[in-house]
Amino acid sequence: MMKKLHYKKIIREENKESLNFTKVNKHDWNFNIDIEKTKLLYSNRCDTIIDSTKQIPELVEFFDKLGIDIQKPDEYDSDFSDVVYTCIGFAESETGYEIDIYGNNQFVSVVIMQNDNNILKLEVFGMN
């Protein structure tokens, strides 16, 4: 069953110069994220859907560096272990391949999707 959460849009017609970017590197991906604005997205959400203690610690730490509250996804489909998160910024990669993370007898794959409005969507497959 797909559950989609809605949140207030906190970024309008801003350009890259008006955002306060922090660099985060993971595998061959270079992220430039506005941590404060990303955290603001998640602070407005009430529902806790994902149990962070059941997730791979490396994934939880990575999302924390991006300002993402792993417990409060945008969308969650329990039938497919498919979870979507948003952060404010952009990312670059030489290969464009997803980020694969292993641990705790678990494997997750993070697919990065971005648009021209400094919005990144991270779709995670394989979460508990």
N, C-alpha and C. Protein backbone atom coordinates (compact mmCIF):
# COMPACT_ATOMS: atom_id res chain seq x y z
N MET A 1 0.84 -1.17 0.00
CA MET A 1 0.00 0.00 0.00
C MET A 1 0.89 1.24 0.00
N MET A 2 0.67 2.15 -0.92
CA MET A 2 1.46 3.37 -1.04
C MET A 2 0.86 4.44 -0.16
N LYS A 3 1.70 5.05 0.67
CA LYS A 3 1.27 6.17 1.49
C LYS A 3 2.08 7.37 1.05
N LYS A 4 1.42 8.43 0.66
CA LYS A 4 2.09 9.63 0.20
C LYS A 4 1.85 10.74 1.21
N LEU A 5 2.93 11.37 1.63
CA LEU A 5 2.82 12.46 2.60
C LEU A 5 3.02 13.78 1.89
N HIS A 6 2.28 14.78 2.31
CA HIS A 6 2.39 16.11 1.73
C HIS A 6 3.02 17.05 2.75
N TYR A 7 3.75 18.02 2.27
CA TYR A 7 4.38 19.00 3.14
C TYR A 7 4.36 20.36 2.46
N LYS A 8 4.55 21.39 3.26
CA LYS A 8 4.56 22.74 2.72
C LYS A 8 5.79 22.93 1.85
N LYS A 9 5.60 23.61 0.75
CA LYS A 9 6.72 23.91 -0.13
C LYS A 9 7.50 25.06 0.50
N ILE A 10 8.77 24.81 0.81
CA ILE A 10 9.56 25.86 1.47
C ILE A 10 10.55 26.51 0.51
N ILE A 11 10.66 25.98 -0.67
CA ILE A 11 11.58 26.57 -1.63
C ILE A 11 10.77 26.99 -2.85
N ARG A 12 10.92 28.18 -3.26
CA ARG A 12 10.14 28.69 -4.38
C ARG A 12 11.07 28.84 -5.59
N GLU A 13 11.18 30.02 -6.10
CA GLU A 13 11.98 30.29 -7.29
C GLU A 13 13.40 30.69 -6.89
N GLU A 14 14.00 29.94 -6.00
CA GLU A 14 15.35 30.26 -5.56
C GLU A 14 16.35 29.67 -6.54
N ASN A 15 17.50 30.33 -6.63
CA ASN A 15 18.55 29.76 -7.47
C ASN A 15 19.68 29.27 -6.57
N LYS A 16 20.66 28.66 -7.17
CA LYS A 16 21.74 28.06 -6.40
C LYS A 16 22.49 29.08 -5.55
N GLU A 17 22.56 30.33 -6.00
CA GLU A 17 23.31 31.34 -5.26
C GLU A 17 22.65 31.70 -3.93
N SER A 18 21.33 31.51 -3.81
CA SER A 18 20.63 31.89 -2.59
C SER A 18 20.56 30.76 -1.57
N LEU A 19 21.10 29.60 -1.91
CA LEU A 19 21.08 28.47 -0.99
C LEU A 19 22.42 28.34 -0.29
N ASN A 20 22.40 27.79 0.91
CA ASN A 20 23.60 27.61 1.71
C ASN A 20 24.02 26.14 1.63
N PHE A 21 24.90 25.82 0.70
CA PHE A 21 25.24 24.44 0.43
C PHE A 21 26.33 23.88 1.33
N THR A 22 26.16 22.62 1.68
CA THR A 22 27.18 21.83 2.37
C THR A 22 27.51 20.67 1.45
N LYS A 23 28.80 20.39 1.31
CA LYS A 23 29.22 19.28 0.45
C LYS A 23 29.21 17.97 1.22
N VAL A 24 28.62 16.96 0.60
CA VAL A 24 28.59 15.60 1.17
C VAL A 24 28.97 14.65 0.04
N ASN A 25 29.92 13.78 0.29
CA ASN A 25 30.34 12.81 -0.72
C ASN A 25 29.96 11.40 -0.27
N LYS A 26 29.47 10.62 -1.22
CA LYS A 26 29.12 9.22 -0.94
C LYS A 26 29.38 8.43 -2.21
N HIS A 27 30.26 7.45 -2.12
CA HIS A 27 30.67 6.65 -3.27
C HIS A 27 31.14 7.61 -4.35
N ASP A 28 30.64 7.54 -5.56
CA ASP A 28 31.10 8.48 -6.59
C ASP A 28 30.17 9.68 -6.75
N TRP A 29 29.31 9.91 -5.77
CA TRP A 29 28.37 11.04 -5.81
C TRP A 29 28.90 12.20 -4.99
N ASN A 30 28.78 13.42 -5.54
CA ASN A 30 29.10 14.65 -4.83
C ASN A 30 27.80 15.44 -4.67
N PHE A 31 27.35 15.56 -3.43
CA PHE A 31 26.11 16.27 -3.11
C PHE A 31 26.43 17.67 -2.62
N ASN A 32 25.63 18.64 -3.01
CA ASN A 32 25.65 20.00 -2.49
C ASN A 32 24.25 20.26 -1.96
N ILE A 33 24.12 20.23 -0.63
CA ILE A 33 22.80 20.23 0.00
C ILE A 33 22.65 21.43 0.92
N ASP A 34 21.48 22.06 0.87
CA ASP A 34 21.13 23.07 1.86
C ASP A 34 20.52 22.31 3.04
N ILE A 35 21.37 22.02 4.03
CA ILE A 35 20.97 21.20 5.17
C ILE A 35 19.83 21.85 5.95
N GLU A 36 19.92 23.15 6.20
CA GLU A 36 18.89 23.83 6.99
C GLU A 36 17.51 23.74 6.33
N LYS A 37 17.45 23.99 5.03
CA LYS A 37 16.16 23.93 4.33
C LYS A 37 15.65 22.50 4.25
N THR A 38 16.57 21.56 4.09
CA THR A 38 16.15 20.16 4.06
C THR A 38 15.59 19.75 5.42
N LYS A 39 16.26 20.13 6.50
CA LYS A 39 15.76 19.80 7.84
C LYS A 39 14.40 20.44 8.09
N LEU A 40 14.20 21.64 7.55
CA LEU A 40 12.92 22.32 7.71
C LEU A 40 11.78 21.52 7.06
N LEU A 41 12.06 20.89 5.92
CA LEU A 41 11.05 20.03 5.28
C LEU A 41 10.55 18.97 6.25
N TYR A 42 11.49 18.34 6.96
CA TYR A 42 11.15 17.22 7.83
C TYR A 42 10.61 17.68 9.18
N SER A 43 10.96 18.87 9.61
CA SER A 43 10.45 19.36 10.91
C SER A 43 8.95 19.62 10.86
N ASN A 44 8.41 19.84 9.67
CA ASN A 44 6.97 20.10 9.52
C ASN A 44 6.14 18.83 9.45
N ARG A 45 6.77 17.68 9.44
CA ARG A 45 6.06 16.41 9.33
C ARG A 45 5.85 15.80 10.71
N CYS A 46 4.66 15.28 10.93
CA CYS A 46 4.34 14.69 12.23
C CYS A 46 4.51 13.18 12.24
N ASP A 47 4.17 12.54 11.14
CA ASP A 47 4.16 11.08 11.10
C ASP A 47 5.56 10.49 11.09
N THR A 48 5.79 9.54 11.99
CA THR A 48 7.01 8.74 11.98
C THR A 48 6.62 7.39 11.42
N ILE A 49 7.17 7.04 10.27
CA ILE A 49 6.77 5.83 9.57
C ILE A 49 7.86 4.76 9.61
N ILE A 50 9.10 5.18 9.48
CA ILE A 50 10.23 4.26 9.40
C ILE A 50 10.94 4.20 10.74
N ASP A 51 11.25 2.99 11.19
CA ASP A 51 12.00 2.79 12.43
C ASP A 51 13.49 2.85 12.09
N SER A 52 14.15 3.92 12.49
CA SER A 52 15.56 4.11 12.13
C SER A 52 16.47 3.04 12.74
N THR A 53 16.05 2.44 13.86
CA THR A 53 16.89 1.42 14.50
C THR A 53 16.93 0.12 13.70
N LYS A 54 16.01 -0.06 12.75
CA LYS A 54 15.99 -1.27 11.92
C LYS A 54 16.73 -1.07 10.60
N GLN A 55 17.30 0.12 10.39
CA GLN A 55 17.96 0.43 9.13
C GLN A 55 19.48 0.26 9.26
N ILE A 56 20.14 0.13 8.14
CA ILE A 56 21.60 0.02 8.12
C ILE A 56 22.18 1.32 8.67
N PRO A 57 23.05 1.24 9.70
CA PRO A 57 23.61 2.46 10.29
C PRO A 57 24.27 3.39 9.27
N GLU A 58 24.92 2.85 8.27
CA GLU A 58 25.56 3.68 7.24
C GLU A 58 24.53 4.51 6.48
N LEU A 59 23.35 3.94 6.22
CA LEU A 59 22.27 4.67 5.54
C LEU A 59 21.74 5.78 6.43
N VAL A 60 21.51 5.48 7.70
CA VAL A 60 21.01 6.48 8.66
C VAL A 60 22.00 7.64 8.77
N GLU A 61 23.28 7.33 8.86
CA GLU A 61 24.32 8.37 8.97
C GLU A 61 24.39 9.21 7.70
N PHE A 62 24.31 8.58 6.54
CA PHE A 62 24.33 9.29 5.26
C PHE A 62 23.15 10.25 5.16
N PHE A 63 21.95 9.78 5.47
CA PHE A 63 20.78 10.64 5.41
C PHE A 63 20.87 11.78 6.43
N ASP A 64 21.41 11.51 7.59
CA ASP A 64 21.59 12.56 8.59
C ASP A 64 22.51 13.66 8.06
N LYS A 65 23.57 13.28 7.36
CA LYS A 65 24.49 14.27 6.77
C LYS A 65 23.79 15.13 5.73
N LEU A 66 22.77 14.56 5.06
CA LEU A 66 22.01 15.30 4.05
C LEU A 66 20.89 16.14 4.67
N GLY A 67 20.65 15.98 5.97
CA GLY A 67 19.57 16.71 6.64
C GLY A 67 18.24 16.00 6.57
N ILE A 68 18.24 14.75 6.13
CA ILE A 68 17.01 13.97 5.96
C ILE A 68 16.68 13.24 7.26
N ASP A 69 15.44 13.35 7.70
CA ASP A 69 14.95 12.56 8.83
C ASP A 69 14.43 11.25 8.26
N ILE A 70 15.20 10.19 8.43
CA ILE A 70 14.89 8.90 7.81
C ILE A 70 13.56 8.33 8.27
N GLN A 71 13.07 8.78 9.42
CA GLN A 71 11.81 8.28 9.97
C GLN A 71 10.58 8.89 9.29
N LYS A 72 10.76 9.98 8.50
CA LYS A 72 9.63 10.72 7.94
C LYS A 72 9.75 10.86 6.42
N PRO A 73 9.53 9.78 5.67
CA PRO A 73 9.67 9.85 4.21
C PRO A 73 8.53 10.62 3.54
N ASP A 74 8.77 10.98 2.28
CA ASP A 74 7.72 11.59 1.45
C ASP A 74 6.67 10.56 1.10
N GLU A 75 7.15 9.40 0.68
CA GLU A 75 6.27 8.31 0.26
C GLU A 75 6.83 7.00 0.80
N TYR A 76 5.92 6.08 1.08
CA TYR A 76 6.32 4.77 1.60
C TYR A 76 5.38 3.72 1.05
N ASP A 77 5.95 2.69 0.46
CA ASP A 77 5.16 1.57 -0.05
C ASP A 77 5.67 0.30 0.63
N SER A 78 4.95 -0.16 1.64
CA SER A 78 5.38 -1.31 2.42
C SER A 78 5.39 -2.59 1.61
N ASP A 79 4.59 -2.65 0.55
CA ASP A 79 4.55 -3.85 -0.29
C ASP A 79 5.83 -4.05 -1.09
N PHE A 80 6.51 -2.96 -1.41
CA PHE A 80 7.69 -3.04 -2.26
C PHE A 80 8.97 -2.56 -1.56
N SER A 81 8.93 -2.27 -0.27
CA SER A 81 10.09 -1.71 0.45
C SER A 81 10.63 -0.50 -0.28
N ASP A 82 9.74 0.31 -0.81
CA ASP A 82 10.08 1.47 -1.61
C ASP A 82 9.78 2.73 -0.80
N VAL A 83 10.82 3.55 -0.57
CA VAL A 83 10.67 4.74 0.25
C VAL A 83 11.30 5.92 -0.48
N VAL A 84 10.63 7.09 -0.48
CA VAL A 84 11.12 8.27 -1.18
C VAL A 84 11.35 9.40 -0.18
N TYR A 85 12.50 10.08 -0.35
CA TYR A 85 12.87 11.23 0.48
C TYR A 85 13.24 12.40 -0.43
N THR A 86 13.18 13.62 0.13
CA THR A 86 13.53 14.83 -0.60
C THR A 86 14.61 15.58 0.15
N CYS A 87 15.52 16.19 -0.60
CA CYS A 87 16.44 17.16 0.01
C CYS A 87 16.64 18.30 -0.98
N ILE A 88 17.08 19.43 -0.46
CA ILE A 88 17.25 20.65 -1.25
C ILE A 88 18.71 20.75 -1.67
N GLY A 89 18.94 20.78 -2.96
CA GLY A 89 20.30 20.87 -3.47
C GLY A 89 20.44 20.15 -4.80
N PHE A 90 21.67 19.76 -5.09
CA PHE A 90 21.92 19.04 -6.33
C PHE A 90 23.06 18.06 -6.11
N ALA A 91 23.19 17.12 -7.03
CA ALA A 91 24.22 16.10 -6.91
C ALA A 91 24.81 15.80 -8.28
N GLU A 92 26.07 15.38 -8.27
CA GLU A 92 26.77 15.04 -9.50
C GLU A 92 27.49 13.71 -9.31
N SER A 93 27.55 12.95 -10.38
CA SER A 93 28.22 11.66 -10.35
C SER A 93 28.79 11.37 -11.72
N GLU A 94 29.97 10.76 -11.75
CA GLU A 94 30.55 10.38 -13.04
C GLU A 94 29.78 9.23 -13.67
N THR A 95 29.31 8.30 -12.86
CA THR A 95 28.63 7.13 -13.40
C THR A 95 27.11 7.28 -13.40
N GLY A 96 26.57 8.05 -12.45
CA GLY A 96 25.13 8.19 -12.32
C GLY A 96 24.46 6.95 -11.76
N TYR A 97 25.26 6.02 -11.30
CA TYR A 97 24.73 4.77 -10.76
C TYR A 97 24.19 5.00 -9.36
N GLU A 98 23.22 4.18 -8.96
CA GLU A 98 22.66 4.32 -7.61
C GLU A 98 23.71 4.00 -6.56
N ILE A 99 23.41 4.37 -5.33
CA ILE A 99 24.28 4.09 -4.19
C ILE A 99 23.79 2.82 -3.52
N ASP A 100 24.63 1.82 -3.49
CA ASP A 100 24.29 0.55 -2.85
C ASP A 100 24.97 0.48 -1.49
N ILE A 101 24.20 0.10 -0.48
CA ILE A 101 24.71 0.03 0.90
C ILE A 101 24.36 -1.34 1.47
N TYR A 102 25.36 -1.97 2.08
CA TYR A 102 25.19 -3.30 2.67
C TYR A 102 25.45 -3.22 4.16
N GLY A 103 24.74 -4.03 4.93
CA GLY A 103 24.99 -4.12 6.37
C GLY A 103 23.83 -4.78 7.08
N ASN A 104 24.11 -5.34 8.26
CA ASN A 104 23.07 -5.99 9.07
C ASN A 104 22.27 -7.02 8.28
N ASN A 105 22.96 -7.81 7.45
CA ASN A 105 22.28 -8.80 6.60
C ASN A 105 21.19 -8.16 5.74
N GLN A 106 21.46 -6.95 5.29
CA GLN A 106 20.49 -6.19 4.52
C GLN A 106 21.21 -5.47 3.38
N PHE A 107 20.50 -5.23 2.30
CA PHE A 107 21.02 -4.49 1.16
C PHE A 107 19.98 -3.46 0.76
N VAL A 108 20.41 -2.19 0.61
CA VAL A 108 19.51 -1.15 0.10
C VAL A 108 20.17 -0.47 -1.09
N SER A 109 19.34 0.02 -1.96
CA SER A 109 19.80 0.74 -3.13
C SER A 109 19.13 2.11 -3.13
N VAL A 110 19.93 3.17 -3.24
CA VAL A 110 19.43 4.55 -3.24
C VAL A 110 19.57 5.10 -4.65
N VAL A 111 18.45 5.42 -5.27
CA VAL A 111 18.43 5.99 -6.62
C VAL A 111 18.23 7.49 -6.48
N ILE A 112 19.11 8.28 -7.10
CA ILE A 112 19.06 9.73 -6.99
C ILE A 112 18.41 10.31 -8.24
N MET A 113 17.37 11.14 -8.03
CA MET A 113 16.67 11.81 -9.12
C MET A 113 16.70 13.30 -8.81
N GLN A 114 17.01 14.12 -9.79
CA GLN A 114 17.05 15.56 -9.54
C GLN A 114 16.37 16.32 -10.66
N ASN A 115 15.95 17.55 -10.30
CA ASN A 115 15.36 18.42 -11.31
C ASN A 115 16.13 19.72 -11.34
N ASP A 116 15.72 20.65 -12.16
CA ASP A 116 16.43 21.92 -12.32
C ASP A 116 16.12 22.93 -11.23
N ASN A 117 15.24 22.59 -10.29
CA ASN A 117 14.83 23.52 -9.23
C ASN A 117 15.51 23.22 -7.90
N ASN A 118 16.69 22.61 -7.94
CA ASN A 118 17.44 22.30 -6.71
C ASN A 118 16.68 21.37 -5.77
N ILE A 119 15.92 20.46 -6.33
CA ILE A 119 15.21 19.46 -5.54
C ILE A 119 15.77 18.09 -5.91
N LEU A 120 16.20 17.35 -4.91
CA LEU A 120 16.67 15.98 -5.10
C LEU A 120 15.67 15.02 -4.48
N LYS A 121 15.36 13.97 -5.18
CA LYS A 121 14.54 12.88 -4.64
C LYS A 121 15.46 11.67 -4.53
N LEU A 122 15.42 11.03 -3.37
CA LEU A 122 16.17 9.81 -3.15
C LEU A 122 15.17 8.68 -2.94
N GLU A 123 15.15 7.74 -3.86
CA GLU A 123 14.25 6.61 -3.76
C GLU A 123 15.06 5.42 -3.26
N VAL A 124 14.62 4.85 -2.15
CA VAL A 124 15.37 3.78 -1.49
C VAL A 124 14.59 2.48 -1.62
N PHE A 125 15.27 1.46 -2.10
CA PHE A 125 14.68 0.13 -2.24
C PHE A 125 15.34 -0.81 -1.24
N GLY A 126 14.54 -1.62 -0.56
CA GLY A 126 15.06 -2.62 0.35
C GLY A 126 15.06 -2.25 1.81
N MET A 127 14.38 -1.17 2.18
CA MET A 127 14.34 -0.78 3.59
C MET A 127 13.39 -1.68 4.37
N ASN A 128 13.66 -1.83 5.65
CA ASN A 128 12.78 -2.60 6.54
C ASN A 128 11.65 -1.72 7.03
